[in-house]
């Protein structure tokens, strides 16, 4: 079992920055590929970014590529999402998730953290 707890959400103005963190407990974080997904009101949950267990392979949704950076610190069992140049369209609940394989189905989810971006 893996438990995921997100932190770092909040309110920011357009153009600002936020850094989300996701702390994993239960099993070694490095055993899992990790990802961030988000869900805005009335929309499907969508892919944002993912990272492999070692941290050397990442992927991003085209809309956030170049603005967001996913990283991980396996010694701290924590994954991060640095969000720069925020846009109102980035407002959503952001979820951290863990998968046994990079690109695979997510097996564990955090509770989500709200990000609000004002124009």
N, C-alpha and C. Protein backbone atom coordinates (compact mmCIF):
# COMPACT_ATOMS: atom_id res chain seq x y z
N UNK A 1 0.83 -1.19 0.00
CA UNK A 1 0.00 0.00 0.00
C UNK A 1 0.87 1.25 0.00
N UNK A 2 0.41 2.25 -0.68
CA UNK A 2 1.09 3.54 -0.73
C UNK A 2 0.07 4.62 -0.38
N UNK A 3 0.45 5.49 0.51
CA UNK A 3 -0.39 6.64 0.84
C UNK A 3 0.28 7.90 0.29
N UNK A 4 -0.52 8.73 -0.34
CA UNK A 4 -0.01 9.95 -0.95
C UNK A 4 -0.72 11.15 -0.36
N UNK A 5 0.05 12.15 0.01
CA UNK A 5 -0.52 13.36 0.58
C UNK A 5 0.05 14.56 -0.16
N UNK A 6 -0.83 15.31 -0.82
CA UNK A 6 -0.41 16.51 -1.54
C UNK A 6 -0.41 17.72 -0.62
N UNK A 7 0.41 18.69 -1.01
CA UNK A 7 0.47 19.95 -0.28
C UNK A 7 0.93 21.03 -1.26
N UNK A 8 0.70 22.28 -0.90
CA UNK A 8 1.23 23.38 -1.68
C UNK A 8 0.24 24.10 -2.56
N UNK A 9 -0.99 23.62 -2.60
CA UNK A 9 -1.98 24.32 -3.38
C UNK A 9 -2.34 25.66 -2.75
N UNK A 10 -3.08 26.46 -3.48
CA UNK A 10 -3.49 27.75 -2.96
C UNK A 10 -3.95 28.65 -4.08
N UNK A 11 -3.98 29.93 -3.78
CA UNK A 11 -4.42 30.93 -4.75
C UNK A 11 -3.24 31.74 -5.22
N UNK A 12 -3.21 31.99 -6.51
CA UNK A 12 -2.13 32.76 -7.09
C UNK A 12 -2.69 33.56 -8.25
N UNK A 13 -2.03 34.65 -8.56
CA UNK A 13 -2.43 35.45 -9.72
C UNK A 13 -1.83 34.87 -10.99
N UNK A 14 -2.46 35.18 -12.10
CA UNK A 14 -1.91 34.76 -13.39
C UNK A 14 -0.49 35.27 -13.54
N UNK A 15 0.38 34.39 -14.02
CA UNK A 15 1.79 34.73 -14.15
C UNK A 15 2.62 34.33 -12.94
N UNK A 16 1.97 33.96 -11.88
CA UNK A 16 2.66 33.59 -10.66
C UNK A 16 3.13 32.16 -10.65
N UNK A 17 3.65 31.74 -9.51
CA UNK A 17 4.18 30.39 -9.37
C UNK A 17 3.62 29.71 -8.13
N UNK A 18 3.53 28.41 -8.21
CA UNK A 18 3.20 27.56 -7.07
C UNK A 18 4.03 26.30 -7.18
N UNK A 19 4.30 25.70 -6.04
CA UNK A 19 5.01 24.43 -6.02
C UNK A 19 4.20 23.43 -5.21
N UNK A 20 3.78 22.38 -5.87
CA UNK A 20 3.05 21.32 -5.19
C UNK A 20 4.02 20.23 -4.77
N UNK A 21 3.72 19.61 -3.67
CA UNK A 21 4.50 18.47 -3.23
C UNK A 21 3.57 17.30 -2.94
N UNK A 22 4.13 16.12 -3.04
CA UNK A 22 3.37 14.89 -2.79
C UNK A 22 4.27 13.96 -1.99
N UNK A 23 3.91 13.75 -0.74
CA UNK A 23 4.69 12.89 0.13
C UNK A 23 4.10 11.48 0.12
N UNK A 24 4.95 10.50 -0.12
CA UNK A 24 4.52 9.11 -0.19
C UNK A 24 4.97 8.35 1.04
N UNK A 25 4.08 7.55 1.58
CA UNK A 25 4.43 6.68 2.70
C UNK A 25 3.92 5.28 2.41
N UNK A 26 4.48 4.35 3.07
CA UNK A 26 4.02 2.96 2.94
C UNK A 26 5.02 2.08 2.23
N UNK A 27 5.50 2.52 1.10
CA UNK A 27 6.52 1.77 0.37
C UNK A 27 7.50 2.76 -0.21
N UNK A 28 8.64 2.27 -0.61
CA UNK A 28 9.67 3.14 -1.14
C UNK A 28 9.16 3.85 -2.39
N UNK A 29 9.27 5.15 -2.36
CA UNK A 29 8.76 5.98 -3.45
C UNK A 29 9.41 5.61 -4.77
N UNK A 30 10.69 5.29 -4.74
CA UNK A 30 11.41 5.03 -5.98
C UNK A 30 10.91 3.79 -6.70
N UNK A 31 10.11 2.97 -6.02
CA UNK A 31 9.56 1.78 -6.66
C UNK A 31 8.45 2.12 -7.64
N UNK A 32 7.97 3.33 -7.60
CA UNK A 32 6.81 3.71 -8.38
C UNK A 32 7.11 4.87 -9.32
N UNK A 33 6.52 4.80 -10.48
CA UNK A 33 6.43 5.98 -11.32
C UNK A 33 5.35 6.88 -10.71
N UNK A 34 5.54 8.16 -10.82
CA UNK A 34 4.61 9.11 -10.20
C UNK A 34 4.07 10.08 -11.24
N UNK A 35 2.91 10.60 -10.94
CA UNK A 35 2.34 11.55 -11.89
C UNK A 35 1.44 12.55 -11.20
N UNK A 36 1.16 13.58 -11.93
CA UNK A 36 0.19 14.60 -11.51
C UNK A 36 -0.92 14.67 -12.56
N UNK A 37 -2.12 14.68 -12.06
CA UNK A 37 -3.27 14.89 -12.92
C UNK A 37 -4.12 15.99 -12.28
N UNK A 38 -5.00 16.60 -13.05
CA UNK A 38 -5.82 17.67 -12.50
C UNK A 38 -7.25 17.55 -13.02
N UNK A 39 -8.13 18.13 -12.24
CA UNK A 39 -9.54 18.11 -12.62
C UNK A 39 -10.18 19.45 -12.29
N UNK A 40 -10.66 20.11 -13.31
CA UNK A 40 -11.38 21.37 -13.15
C UNK A 40 -12.88 21.06 -13.06
N UNK A 41 -13.66 21.97 -12.48
CA UNK A 41 -15.10 21.74 -12.35
C UNK A 41 -15.75 21.45 -13.70
N UNK A 42 -16.51 20.38 -13.75
CA UNK A 42 -17.23 20.03 -14.97
C UNK A 42 -16.39 19.37 -16.05
N UNK A 43 -15.14 19.08 -15.73
CA UNK A 43 -14.25 18.48 -16.73
C UNK A 43 -13.72 17.13 -16.24
N UNK A 44 -13.21 16.36 -17.19
CA UNK A 44 -12.59 15.08 -16.86
C UNK A 44 -11.24 15.34 -16.20
N UNK A 45 -10.81 14.36 -15.41
CA UNK A 45 -9.47 14.44 -14.85
C UNK A 45 -8.48 14.25 -16.00
N UNK A 46 -7.46 15.11 -16.05
CA UNK A 46 -6.56 15.08 -17.19
C UNK A 46 -5.10 14.97 -16.75
N UNK A 47 -4.32 14.42 -17.65
CA UNK A 47 -2.89 14.25 -17.43
C UNK A 47 -2.19 15.61 -17.39
N UNK A 48 -1.25 15.74 -16.47
CA UNK A 48 -0.42 16.94 -16.39
C UNK A 48 1.04 16.59 -16.65
N UNK A 49 1.58 15.67 -15.85
CA UNK A 49 2.99 15.30 -15.98
C UNK A 49 3.21 13.96 -15.29
N UNK A 50 4.30 13.28 -15.67
CA UNK A 50 4.67 12.04 -15.00
C UNK A 50 6.19 11.91 -15.01
N UNK A 51 6.67 11.06 -14.12
CA UNK A 51 8.11 10.88 -13.96
C UNK A 51 8.37 9.44 -13.58
N UNK A 52 9.46 8.87 -14.08
CA UNK A 52 9.73 7.47 -13.78
C UNK A 52 10.36 7.35 -12.39
N UNK A 53 10.57 6.13 -11.95
CA UNK A 53 11.04 5.89 -10.60
C UNK A 53 12.39 6.54 -10.30
N UNK A 54 13.28 6.51 -11.27
CA UNK A 54 14.61 7.09 -11.07
C UNK A 54 14.66 8.59 -11.25
N UNK A 55 13.63 9.14 -11.86
CA UNK A 55 13.58 10.58 -12.06
C UNK A 55 14.18 11.08 -13.36
N UNK A 56 14.68 10.17 -14.19
CA UNK A 56 15.35 10.59 -15.41
C UNK A 56 14.47 10.71 -16.62
N UNK A 57 13.24 10.25 -16.53
CA UNK A 57 12.32 10.29 -17.66
C UNK A 57 11.06 11.02 -17.23
N UNK A 58 10.69 12.02 -17.99
CA UNK A 58 9.49 12.80 -17.68
C UNK A 58 8.67 13.02 -18.95
N UNK A 59 7.43 13.35 -18.72
CA UNK A 59 6.54 13.69 -19.83
C UNK A 59 5.54 14.72 -19.34
N UNK A 60 5.09 15.56 -20.27
CA UNK A 60 4.19 16.64 -19.90
C UNK A 60 3.07 16.77 -20.92
N UNK A 61 1.94 17.24 -20.44
CA UNK A 61 0.89 17.65 -21.36
C UNK A 61 1.39 18.87 -22.12
N UNK A 62 0.99 18.97 -23.37
CA UNK A 62 1.48 20.06 -24.22
C UNK A 62 1.14 21.43 -23.64
N UNK A 63 0.02 21.54 -22.95
CA UNK A 63 -0.41 22.84 -22.44
C UNK A 63 0.48 23.34 -21.32
N UNK A 64 1.12 22.44 -20.57
CA UNK A 64 1.94 22.86 -19.44
C UNK A 64 3.42 22.76 -19.73
N UNK A 65 3.78 22.09 -20.81
CA UNK A 65 5.20 21.89 -21.12
C UNK A 65 5.89 23.24 -21.27
N UNK A 66 7.02 23.35 -20.61
CA UNK A 66 7.76 24.60 -20.63
C UNK A 66 7.41 25.53 -19.48
N UNK A 67 6.28 25.26 -18.82
CA UNK A 67 5.87 26.07 -17.67
C UNK A 67 5.93 25.26 -16.38
N UNK A 68 5.62 23.99 -16.45
CA UNK A 68 5.61 23.13 -15.27
C UNK A 68 6.81 22.19 -15.31
N UNK A 69 7.30 21.84 -14.14
CA UNK A 69 8.40 20.88 -14.03
C UNK A 69 8.09 19.88 -12.94
N UNK A 70 8.13 18.60 -13.30
CA UNK A 70 7.96 17.54 -12.31
C UNK A 70 9.34 17.04 -11.91
N UNK A 71 9.50 16.77 -10.63
CA UNK A 71 10.77 16.25 -10.12
C UNK A 71 10.47 15.38 -8.90
N UNK A 72 11.48 14.67 -8.46
CA UNK A 72 11.29 13.83 -7.30
C UNK A 72 12.56 13.75 -6.47
N UNK A 73 12.39 13.56 -5.18
CA UNK A 73 13.48 13.35 -4.25
C UNK A 73 13.19 12.03 -3.55
N UNK A 74 13.78 10.98 -4.05
CA UNK A 74 13.46 9.65 -3.51
C UNK A 74 13.95 9.48 -2.07
N UNK A 75 14.96 10.21 -1.69
CA UNK A 75 15.42 10.14 -0.30
C UNK A 75 14.36 10.68 0.65
N UNK A 76 13.55 11.60 0.15
CA UNK A 76 12.47 12.17 0.95
C UNK A 76 11.11 11.57 0.61
N UNK A 77 11.10 10.63 -0.33
CA UNK A 77 9.84 10.03 -0.78
C UNK A 77 8.83 11.10 -1.19
N UNK A 78 9.30 12.07 -1.94
CA UNK A 78 8.46 13.20 -2.29
C UNK A 78 8.60 13.53 -3.78
N UNK A 79 7.49 13.86 -4.37
CA UNK A 79 7.45 14.30 -5.76
C UNK A 79 6.95 15.74 -5.78
N UNK A 80 7.45 16.53 -6.70
CA UNK A 80 7.11 17.94 -6.78
C UNK A 80 6.56 18.29 -8.15
N UNK A 81 5.76 19.34 -8.15
CA UNK A 81 5.33 19.94 -9.42
C UNK A 81 5.52 21.44 -9.28
N UNK A 82 6.54 21.95 -9.94
CA UNK A 82 6.80 23.38 -9.97
C UNK A 82 5.98 23.97 -11.10
N UNK A 83 5.12 24.92 -10.76
CA UNK A 83 4.23 25.52 -11.75
C UNK A 83 4.56 26.99 -11.89
N UNK A 84 5.06 27.36 -13.04
CA UNK A 84 5.42 28.75 -13.34
C UNK A 84 4.46 29.32 -14.39
N UNK A 85 4.46 30.63 -14.48
CA UNK A 85 3.63 31.31 -15.48
C UNK A 85 2.20 30.78 -15.47
N UNK A 86 1.63 30.73 -14.30
CA UNK A 86 0.30 30.18 -14.15
C UNK A 86 -0.73 30.96 -14.96
N UNK A 87 -1.70 30.21 -15.47
CA UNK A 87 -2.79 30.80 -16.23
C UNK A 87 -4.11 30.45 -15.54
N UNK A 88 -5.13 31.26 -15.74
CA UNK A 88 -6.43 30.93 -15.13
C UNK A 88 -6.90 29.52 -15.50
N UNK A 89 -6.54 29.07 -16.69
CA UNK A 89 -6.94 27.74 -17.14
C UNK A 89 -6.26 26.62 -16.35
N UNK A 90 -5.24 26.94 -15.57
CA UNK A 90 -4.57 25.93 -14.75
C UNK A 90 -5.32 25.66 -13.45
N UNK A 91 -6.32 26.45 -13.15
CA UNK A 91 -7.07 26.26 -11.91
C UNK A 91 -7.78 24.91 -11.93
N UNK A 92 -7.56 24.14 -10.88
CA UNK A 92 -8.14 22.80 -10.80
C UNK A 92 -7.74 22.19 -9.46
N UNK A 93 -8.28 21.02 -9.20
CA UNK A 93 -7.77 20.19 -8.10
C UNK A 93 -6.68 19.32 -8.69
N UNK A 94 -5.51 19.36 -8.11
CA UNK A 94 -4.37 18.60 -8.60
C UNK A 94 -4.19 17.35 -7.73
N UNK A 95 -4.05 16.22 -8.42
CA UNK A 95 -3.91 14.94 -7.75
C UNK A 95 -2.55 14.33 -8.06
N UNK A 96 -1.95 13.79 -7.04
CA UNK A 96 -0.73 13.01 -7.18
C UNK A 96 -1.14 11.54 -7.28
N UNK A 97 -0.39 10.79 -8.09
CA UNK A 97 -0.73 9.38 -8.24
C UNK A 97 0.54 8.56 -8.44
N UNK A 98 0.44 7.28 -8.08
CA UNK A 98 1.57 6.35 -8.20
C UNK A 98 1.19 5.16 -9.05
N UNK A 99 2.10 4.76 -9.90
CA UNK A 99 1.89 3.61 -10.79
C UNK A 99 3.08 2.66 -10.69
N UNK A 100 2.83 1.39 -10.85
CA UNK A 100 3.92 0.41 -10.78
C UNK A 100 4.85 0.52 -11.97
N UNK A 101 4.32 1.02 -13.08
CA UNK A 101 5.13 1.14 -14.28
C UNK A 101 4.97 2.53 -14.87
N UNK A 102 6.04 3.06 -15.42
CA UNK A 102 5.98 4.35 -16.08
C UNK A 102 5.03 4.26 -17.27
N UNK A 103 4.05 5.15 -17.28
CA UNK A 103 3.05 5.11 -18.33
C UNK A 103 1.91 4.15 -18.07
N UNK A 104 1.98 3.45 -16.96
CA UNK A 104 0.94 2.49 -16.62
C UNK A 104 -0.22 3.11 -15.87
N UNK A 105 -1.19 2.29 -15.59
CA UNK A 105 -2.36 2.75 -14.84
C UNK A 105 -1.96 3.12 -13.43
N UNK A 106 -2.57 4.17 -12.93
CA UNK A 106 -2.26 4.60 -11.58
C UNK A 106 -3.01 3.73 -10.57
N UNK A 107 -2.28 3.27 -9.57
CA UNK A 107 -2.84 2.38 -8.55
C UNK A 107 -3.21 3.11 -7.28
N UNK A 108 -2.56 4.22 -7.01
CA UNK A 108 -2.78 4.95 -5.78
C UNK A 108 -2.92 6.44 -6.10
N UNK A 109 -3.81 7.08 -5.32
CA UNK A 109 -4.10 8.50 -5.53
C UNK A 109 -4.06 9.24 -4.21
N UNK A 110 -3.65 10.51 -4.29
CA UNK A 110 -3.77 11.38 -3.14
C UNK A 110 -5.17 11.98 -3.09
N UNK A 111 -5.40 12.80 -2.11
CA UNK A 111 -6.72 13.38 -1.91
C UNK A 111 -6.95 14.63 -2.73
N UNK A 112 -5.88 15.17 -3.28
CA UNK A 112 -5.99 16.36 -4.13
C UNK A 112 -5.72 17.64 -3.38
N UNK A 113 -5.23 18.62 -4.11
CA UNK A 113 -5.00 19.95 -3.54
C UNK A 113 -5.49 20.98 -4.54
N UNK A 114 -6.19 21.99 -4.04
CA UNK A 114 -6.83 22.97 -4.90
C UNK A 114 -5.85 24.05 -5.33
N UNK A 115 -5.86 24.35 -6.61
CA UNK A 115 -5.09 25.46 -7.16
C UNK A 115 -6.08 26.43 -7.80
N UNK A 116 -6.00 27.67 -7.38
CA UNK A 116 -6.86 28.73 -7.93
C UNK A 116 -5.97 29.80 -8.54
N UNK A 117 -6.29 30.22 -9.75
CA UNK A 117 -5.50 31.23 -10.44
C UNK A 117 -6.44 32.35 -10.87
N UNK A 118 -6.15 33.54 -10.42
CA UNK A 118 -6.98 34.69 -10.76
C UNK A 118 -6.33 35.49 -11.87
N UNK A 119 -7.17 36.06 -12.70
CA UNK A 119 -6.65 36.82 -13.84
C UNK A 119 -6.46 38.27 -13.47
